[in-house]
Amino acid sequence: MKQSLAALLAIGFLTLAATVVSAQAVKIAENKEKKQYDVTVDGQPFTSYVFWDDQKKPILYPLRTAKGTIVTRGYPLEKVAGERTDHPHHISSWFNYGNINGVDFWNTPPEGVTRDRGVIEKFGVIKHRSAKIAKNGKGVAQLNTLMDWIMPDGSKIMQEDDQIFFRAGNGVRIIDRVITLTAQKEKVVFNDSKEGAIAIRVTRTLEEPSNKPEVFTDANGVPTKVPVMDNTGVAGIYLSSEGKIGEKEGWGTRAKWMTLSGTAKGEDVVLGIFDHPKNPTYPTYWHARGYGLFAANPFGAKEFTKGKTTLNYTLEPGQKATFRFRILIHSGKLTKEQTEALYQQFLKDVPN
């Protein structure tokens, strides 16, 4: 007797969940000279947590699939043929925000990248202070980090304490970030902006194909021109938990997860960002662009609702807020139902 579709799907879900916890050796190693922590799976590179002197925020660089395929853009750290060279502050994977008490932590360029935009800008930086390898082991390793959000006058506006979990299974790589932000002596206002917050800038072939030039305007009203490019091999497509497909449907909407599916160096890949029900502003808004910026933004309600809703999320002095996100890097294709099963696994792995 043939199994029902529901039974087959259930088997598929169990198989997918099992890949997340299958035993592969995940190891974090400090490289003091390079100012980074390198993450490997069975001795093969996965990613690195880097805090180089010329970076204005710690980043995870690059992100790789289980097969070792890089899925993040190289620019501005390296030149890769065919890649876009817009938005030099979009570097691999990061967490920050575009308007903290009127100061921009999002658009801050790395050292050596000039910006002549004709406006007076107030940039903040996020400084790495310390890190501790909390765990190396089968299936998962954990790095605990401490960062300071620094205003242009040198004052510390927020402290960021992260628990970063690197997970590996057959065909799956995962990064879970449990981010606790603590306001210092001043009230902290996340003024509504589309520029945020946990983000990935993807390799060219994972972008959505486009046959026209685009102009994107930042929070200061400054435009960036994104020209038409060769679309050969470019076939990325967004899908949200609410069934929204592509940037046109999905940008600015709210959903508990979103994926970006496509190919990288011929490998079928699904990237996902998962929001968590315990997050203060769940479900998040999505600042997911066809040109390759894939970001979840819990704070930018006014931008995404065309002014219908204003959040201005606020932390009083000494107040804390914790945000939990998962970045999924899956080799092979996924249906909406299969992604939902992996989302449920996320809730089990990061319950609080």
Protein backbone atom coordinates (compact mmCIF):
# COMPACT_ATOMS: atom_id res chain seq x y z
CA MET A 1 0.00 0.00 0.00
CA LYS A 2 1.29 3.45 -0.91
CA GLN A 3 2.05 5.80 1.95
CA SER A 4 -0.08 8.93 2.18
CA LEU A 5 1.41 12.28 1.19
CA ALA A 6 1.17 13.41 4.80
CA ALA A 7 3.15 10.39 5.95
CA LEU A 8 5.83 10.97 3.33
CA LEU A 9 6.10 14.60 4.33
CA ALA A 10 6.39 13.62 7.98
CA ILE A 11 9.24 11.25 7.12
CA GLY A 12 10.90 14.06 5.18
CA PHE A 13 10.56 16.40 8.13
CA LEU A 14 12.15 13.89 10.48
CA THR A 15 15.00 13.35 8.05
CA LEU A 16 15.60 17.08 7.77
CA ALA A 17 15.53 17.54 11.54
CA ALA A 18 18.00 14.70 11.96
CA THR A 19 20.52 16.39 9.66
CA VAL A 20 20.69 19.33 12.03
CA VAL A 21 21.87 17.26 14.96
CA SER A 22 23.99 14.63 13.19
CA ALA A 23 27.41 14.36 14.78
CA GLN A 24 30.06 16.37 12.98
CA ALA A 25 32.99 17.91 14.81
CA VAL A 26 32.47 21.67 15.05
CA LYS A 27 35.49 23.58 16.35
CA ILE A 28 36.23 27.24 17.05
CA ALA A 29 39.88 28.29 17.12
CA GLU A 30 41.23 31.74 18.00
CA ASN A 31 43.65 33.38 15.57
CA LYS A 32 45.11 36.22 17.64
CA GLU A 33 47.33 37.55 14.86
CA LYS A 34 44.46 37.96 12.41
CA LYS A 35 41.96 39.07 15.09
CA GLN A 36 39.38 36.44 14.30
CA TYR A 37 37.91 33.16 15.47
CA ASP A 38 37.81 30.45 12.80
CA VAL A 39 35.01 27.87 12.72
CA THR A 40 35.59 24.49 11.10
CA VAL A 41 33.47 21.38 10.59
CA ASP A 42 35.41 18.13 10.47
CA GLY A 43 38.47 20.28 9.80
CA GLN A 44 36.93 22.15 6.85
CA PRO A 45 36.28 25.91 7.04
CA PHE A 46 32.72 27.10 7.71
CA THR A 47 33.08 30.78 8.65
CA SER A 48 35.06 33.17 10.84
CA TYR A 49 34.01 35.72 13.42
CA VAL A 50 36.28 38.65 12.53
CA PHE A 51 36.99 41.99 14.23
CA TRP A 52 39.79 43.46 12.15
CA ASP A 53 40.96 46.99 12.93
CA ASP A 54 39.60 48.39 9.66
CA GLN A 55 36.08 47.04 10.21
CA LYS A 56 33.44 49.18 11.89
CA LYS A 57 31.52 46.16 13.16
CA PRO A 58 32.33 42.48 13.80
CA ILE A 59 31.24 40.27 10.92
CA LEU A 60 30.91 36.60 10.02
CA TYR A 61 32.99 36.10 6.88
CA PRO A 62 32.50 34.29 4.60
CA LEU A 63 29.53 31.90 4.94
CA ARG A 64 29.92 28.47 3.34
CA THR A 65 27.68 25.51 2.59
CA ALA A 66 28.41 22.00 3.84
CA LYS A 67 30.25 21.45 0.53
CA GLY A 68 32.42 24.50 1.10
CA THR A 69 30.70 26.75 -1.45
CA ILE A 70 30.83 30.43 -0.48
CA VAL A 71 27.36 32.02 -0.51
CA THR A 72 28.27 35.58 0.56
CA ARG A 73 29.56 38.42 -1.58
CA GLY A 74 33.32 39.05 -1.54
CA TYR A 75 33.23 42.84 -2.05
CA PRO A 76 34.62 45.03 -0.53
CA LEU A 77 37.09 42.60 1.07
CA GLU A 78 37.99 40.90 -2.20
CA LYS A 79 37.25 41.35 -5.88
CA VAL A 80 35.19 38.62 -7.51
CA ALA A 81 34.43 38.74 -11.22
CA GLY A 82 30.80 39.59 -11.96
CA GLU A 83 29.90 40.76 -8.45
CA ARG A 84 28.20 44.06 -7.72
CA THR A 85 30.29 46.76 -6.04
CA ASP A 86 27.51 48.81 -4.45
CA HIS A 87 26.87 49.32 -0.71
CA PRO A 88 30.40 48.66 0.65
CA HIS A 89 28.97 48.41 4.17
CA HIS A 90 27.16 45.17 3.19
CA ILE A 91 29.91 42.77 4.28
CA SER A 92 29.07 39.05 4.40
CA SER A 93 26.88 38.74 7.54
CA TRP A 94 26.39 41.19 10.40
CA PHE A 95 24.04 42.74 12.99
CA ASN A 96 23.57 46.49 13.44
CA TYR A 97 21.04 49.28 12.82
CA GLY A 98 20.64 52.50 10.89
CA ASN A 99 19.30 54.97 13.47
CA ILE A 100 20.24 54.80 17.14
CA ASN A 101 19.42 58.15 18.75
CA GLY A 102 20.00 59.75 15.36
CA VAL A 103 23.32 57.97 14.72
CA ASP A 104 23.83 55.57 11.81
CA PHE A 105 25.49 52.24 12.65
CA TRP A 106 24.36 50.57 9.39
CA ASN A 107 25.95 52.62 6.59
CA THR A 108 29.37 52.96 8.23
CA PRO A 109 31.95 52.08 5.56
CA PRO A 110 35.12 50.07 6.24
CA GLU A 111 38.48 51.86 6.32
CA GLY A 112 39.82 52.73 2.88
CA VAL A 113 36.36 53.07 1.32
CA THR A 114 35.56 56.72 0.65
CA ARG A 115 32.06 58.17 0.73
CA ASP A 116 31.36 61.54 -0.86
CA ARG A 117 27.61 61.74 -0.51
CA GLY A 118 27.11 65.45 -0.03
CA VAL A 119 25.51 65.17 3.42
CA ILE A 120 26.72 65.44 6.99
CA GLU A 121 26.53 61.97 8.48
CA LYS A 122 26.86 60.74 12.04
CA PHE A 123 28.31 57.24 12.09
CA GLY A 124 28.62 54.91 15.05
CA VAL A 125 30.88 51.88 15.34
CA ILE A 126 30.56 48.54 17.08
CA LYS A 127 33.77 47.54 18.85
CA HIS A 128 34.63 43.95 19.71
CA ARG A 129 35.80 43.79 23.32
CA SER A 130 36.19 40.11 24.16
CA ALA A 131 35.26 36.57 23.20
CA LYS A 132 35.29 33.21 24.88
CA ILE A 133 35.02 29.79 23.31
CA ALA A 134 32.28 28.25 25.42
CA LYS A 135 32.05 24.91 23.63
CA ASN A 136 33.57 22.79 20.90
CA GLY A 137 31.97 19.46 20.10
CA LYS A 138 29.86 17.14 18.03
CA GLY A 139 27.25 19.00 16.04
CA VAL A 140 27.67 22.38 17.74
CA ALA A 141 30.22 24.90 19.01
CA GLN A 142 29.53 28.08 20.95
CA LEU A 143 31.30 31.44 21.02
CA ASN A 144 30.32 34.10 23.55
CA THR A 145 31.22 37.65 22.53
CA LEU A 146 31.07 41.14 24.03
CA MET A 147 30.75 44.31 21.90
CA ASP A 148 30.26 48.00 22.59
CA TRP A 149 28.12 50.31 20.43
CA ILE A 150 30.11 53.57 20.31
CA MET A 151 28.67 56.97 19.40
CA PRO A 152 30.61 59.60 17.38
CA ASP A 153 31.66 61.37 20.60
CA GLY A 154 33.23 58.15 21.92
CA SER A 155 30.54 57.36 24.45
CA LYS A 156 29.14 53.83 24.86
CA ILE A 157 25.44 53.80 24.09
CA MET A 158 24.82 50.03 24.30
CA GLN A 159 26.54 46.81 25.27
CA GLU A 160 25.95 43.75 23.12
CA ASP A 161 26.41 40.27 24.58
CA ASP A 162 26.12 37.48 22.02
CA GLN A 163 25.89 33.74 22.30
CA ILE A 164 26.74 32.47 18.81
CA PHE A 165 26.06 28.79 18.14
CA PHE A 166 27.59 27.17 15.06
CA ARG A 167 25.79 23.95 14.12
CA ALA A 168 26.50 21.36 11.44
CA GLY A 169 24.74 18.34 10.01
CA ASN A 170 24.64 16.48 6.71
CA GLY A 171 24.07 19.15 4.10
CA VAL A 172 23.27 21.81 6.71
CA ARG A 173 25.16 24.68 8.29
CA ILE A 174 23.50 26.86 10.93
CA ILE A 175 24.35 29.98 12.91
CA ASP A 176 22.16 30.82 15.90
CA ARG A 177 22.65 34.24 17.46
CA VAL A 178 21.20 35.10 20.87
CA ILE A 179 21.84 38.84 21.11
CA THR A 180 21.31 40.77 24.34
CA LEU A 181 21.44 44.56 24.06
CA THR A 182 21.80 46.64 27.22
CA ALA A 183 21.28 50.41 27.27
CA GLN A 184 23.96 52.24 29.22
CA LYS A 185 23.53 55.67 30.84
CA GLU A 186 21.21 57.08 28.18
CA LYS A 187 17.84 56.08 26.81
CA VAL A 188 18.29 54.23 23.51
CA VAL A 189 15.78 54.80 20.72
CA PHE A 190 15.78 52.60 17.64
CA ASN A 191 14.21 55.25 15.41
CA ASP A 192 12.22 53.55 12.66
CA SER A 193 14.52 52.86 9.70
CA LYS A 194 14.60 50.21 7.02
CA GLU A 195 18.38 49.92 7.51
CA GLY A 196 18.71 46.87 9.75
CA ALA A 197 19.35 44.59 11.40
CA ILE A 198 20.59 40.97 11.06
CA ALA A 199 21.74 40.63 7.49
CA ILE A 200 23.51 38.67 4.77
CA ARG A 201 24.85 40.06 1.48
CA VAL A 202 24.78 37.14 -0.94
CA THR A 203 26.90 36.07 -3.88
CA ARG A 204 25.79 37.24 -7.33
CA THR A 205 24.01 34.06 -8.49
CA LEU A 206 21.73 34.09 -5.43
CA GLU A 207 20.38 37.51 -6.37
CA GLU A 208 17.02 37.82 -8.08
CA PRO A 209 17.47 38.48 -11.82
CA SER A 210 16.71 42.04 -12.91
CA ASN A 211 16.55 43.60 -16.36
CA LYS A 212 16.56 47.24 -15.28
CA PRO A 213 18.77 49.60 -13.28
CA GLU A 214 17.69 50.42 -9.74
CA VAL A 215 18.19 53.37 -7.43
CA PHE A 216 18.01 52.73 -3.68
CA THR A 217 17.78 55.57 -1.17
CA ASP A 218 19.11 55.32 2.38
CA ALA A 219 17.73 56.89 5.57
CA ASN A 220 19.51 60.19 4.77
CA GLY A 221 17.85 60.41 1.37
CA VAL A 222 21.07 59.63 -0.48
CA PRO A 223 20.63 57.45 -3.59
CA THR A 224 22.81 54.54 -4.69
CA LYS A 225 22.57 53.49 -8.34
CA VAL A 226 22.56 49.74 -9.01
CA PRO A 227 23.06 49.13 -12.74
CA VAL A 228 21.74 46.37 -14.99
CA MET A 229 24.08 43.38 -14.92
CA ASP A 230 24.51 40.10 -16.78
CA ASN A 231 21.89 37.71 -15.38
CA THR A 232 23.55 34.51 -16.57
CA GLY A 233 23.12 31.93 -13.81
CA VAL A 234 21.30 34.41 -11.56
CA ALA A 235 18.11 32.79 -10.26
CA GLY A 236 17.53 33.66 -6.59
CA ILE A 237 13.98 33.80 -5.26
CA TYR A 238 12.63 34.79 -1.84
CA LEU A 239 9.88 32.88 -0.03
CA SER A 240 8.34 33.89 3.31
CA SER A 241 6.48 31.80 5.87
CA GLU A 242 3.36 33.73 4.81
CA GLY A 243 3.73 32.57 1.21
CA LYS A 244 5.10 35.85 -0.18
CA ILE A 245 7.33 35.20 -3.21
CA GLY A 246 10.12 37.47 -4.42
CA GLU A 247 11.18 40.95 -3.36
CA LYS A 248 8.10 42.55 -4.92
CA GLU A 249 5.72 40.60 -2.67
CA GLY A 250 7.93 40.06 0.36
CA TRP A 251 9.79 43.31 1.01
CA GLY A 252 8.46 45.14 4.05
CA THR A 253 6.06 42.38 5.06
CA ARG A 254 6.11 40.54 8.38
CA ALA A 255 6.87 36.83 8.67
CA LYS A 256 8.47 34.42 11.11
CA TRP A 257 10.98 33.23 8.49
CA MET A 258 12.16 33.92 4.99
CA THR A 259 14.34 31.92 2.62
CA LEU A 260 16.36 32.76 -0.47
CA SER A 261 16.75 29.85 -2.89
CA GLY A 262 19.09 29.58 -5.85
CA THR A 263 22.44 28.19 -6.89
CA ALA A 264 26.04 28.99 -5.97
CA LYS A 265 28.77 27.56 -8.19
CA GLY A 266 26.23 25.07 -9.51
CA GLU A 267 25.10 23.92 -6.06
CA ASP A 268 21.43 24.21 -5.11
CA VAL A 269 21.31 26.35 -1.97
CA VAL A 270 18.64 27.66 0.39
CA LEU A 271 19.55 30.47 2.78
CA GLY A 272 17.15 31.23 5.59
CA ILE A 273 16.76 33.74 8.39
CA PHE A 274 14.43 32.66 11.20
CA ASP A 275 12.81 35.02 13.71
CA HIS A 276 11.88 33.78 17.20
CA PRO A 277 8.52 34.12 19.02
CA LYS A 278 10.36 35.32 22.15
CA ASN A 279 11.74 38.34 20.29
CA PRO A 280 10.13 41.61 21.47
CA THR A 281 8.82 42.64 18.03
CA TYR A 282 7.99 39.20 16.53
CA PRO A 283 7.21 38.62 13.72
CA THR A 284 9.92 40.71 12.10
CA TYR A 285 9.75 42.89 9.01
CA TRP A 286 11.90 41.93 6.01
CA HIS A 287 14.38 44.24 4.30
CA ALA A 288 15.09 41.67 1.58
CA ARG A 289 16.28 43.12 -1.72
CA GLY A 290 16.56 41.40 -5.08
CA TYR A 291 20.08 42.75 -5.59
CA GLY A 292 21.39 40.54 -2.79
CA LEU A 293 20.73 42.16 0.59
CA PHE A 294 18.85 39.67 2.79
CA ALA A 295 17.93 41.20 6.16
CA ALA A 296 15.41 40.86 8.98
CA ASN A 297 14.52 44.18 10.61
CA PRO A 298 12.55 44.06 13.88
CA PHE A 299 12.55 47.86 14.32
CA GLY A 300 11.60 49.66 11.09
CA ALA A 301 7.79 49.62 11.19
CA LYS A 302 7.23 53.15 9.88
CA GLU A 303 9.36 52.53 6.79
CA PHE A 304 7.65 49.25 5.96
CA THR A 305 4.07 50.39 6.59
CA LYS A 306 4.40 53.72 4.73
CA GLY A 307 3.87 55.61 7.96
CA LYS A 308 0.81 53.73 9.19
CA THR A 309 2.67 52.32 12.20
CA THR A 310 5.52 53.89 14.16
CA LEU A 311 7.49 51.81 16.65
CA ASN A 312 10.57 53.76 17.81
CA TYR A 313 11.57 50.77 19.96
CA THR A 314 13.13 52.11 23.16
CA LEU A 315 15.40 50.86 25.92
CA GLU A 316 15.53 52.88 29.12
CA PRO A 317 18.92 53.29 30.85
CA GLY A 318 20.03 49.89 32.12
CA GLN A 319 17.23 48.04 30.33
CA LYS A 320 17.99 44.85 28.38
CA ALA A 321 16.41 43.22 25.34
CA THR A 322 17.27 39.83 23.86
CA PHE A 323 16.83 38.84 20.22
CA ARG A 324 17.20 35.32 18.84
CA PHE A 325 17.84 34.58 15.15
CA ARG A 326 18.88 31.61 13.06
CA ILE A 327 20.80 31.73 9.78
CA LEU A 328 20.27 28.54 7.80
CA ILE A 329 22.54 27.42 4.95
CA HIS A 330 20.99 24.35 3.36
CA SER A 331 22.46 22.35 0.48
CA GLY A 332 19.65 21.27 -1.83
CA LYS A 333 16.13 22.52 -2.38
CA LEU A 334 13.45 22.99 0.29
CA THR A 335 9.68 23.30 0.11
CA LYS A 336 7.74 25.69 2.31
CA GLU A 337 6.62 22.72 4.44
CA GLN A 338 10.16 21.43 4.84
CA THR A 339 11.37 24.90 5.86
CA GLU A 340 8.62 25.06 8.45
CA ALA A 341 9.85 21.77 9.91
CA LEU A 342 13.36 23.22 10.19
CA TYR A 343 11.87 26.31 11.82
CA GLN A 344 10.23 24.11 14.46
CA GLN A 345 13.64 22.53 15.10
CA PHE A 346 15.03 26.04 15.66
CA LEU A 347 12.44 26.60 18.39
CA LYS A 348 13.59 23.42 20.10
CA ASP A 349 17.29 24.32 19.80
CA VAL A 350 16.80 27.91 21.03
CA PRO A 351 13.80 27.76 23.39
CA ASN A 352 14.33 30.87 25.53
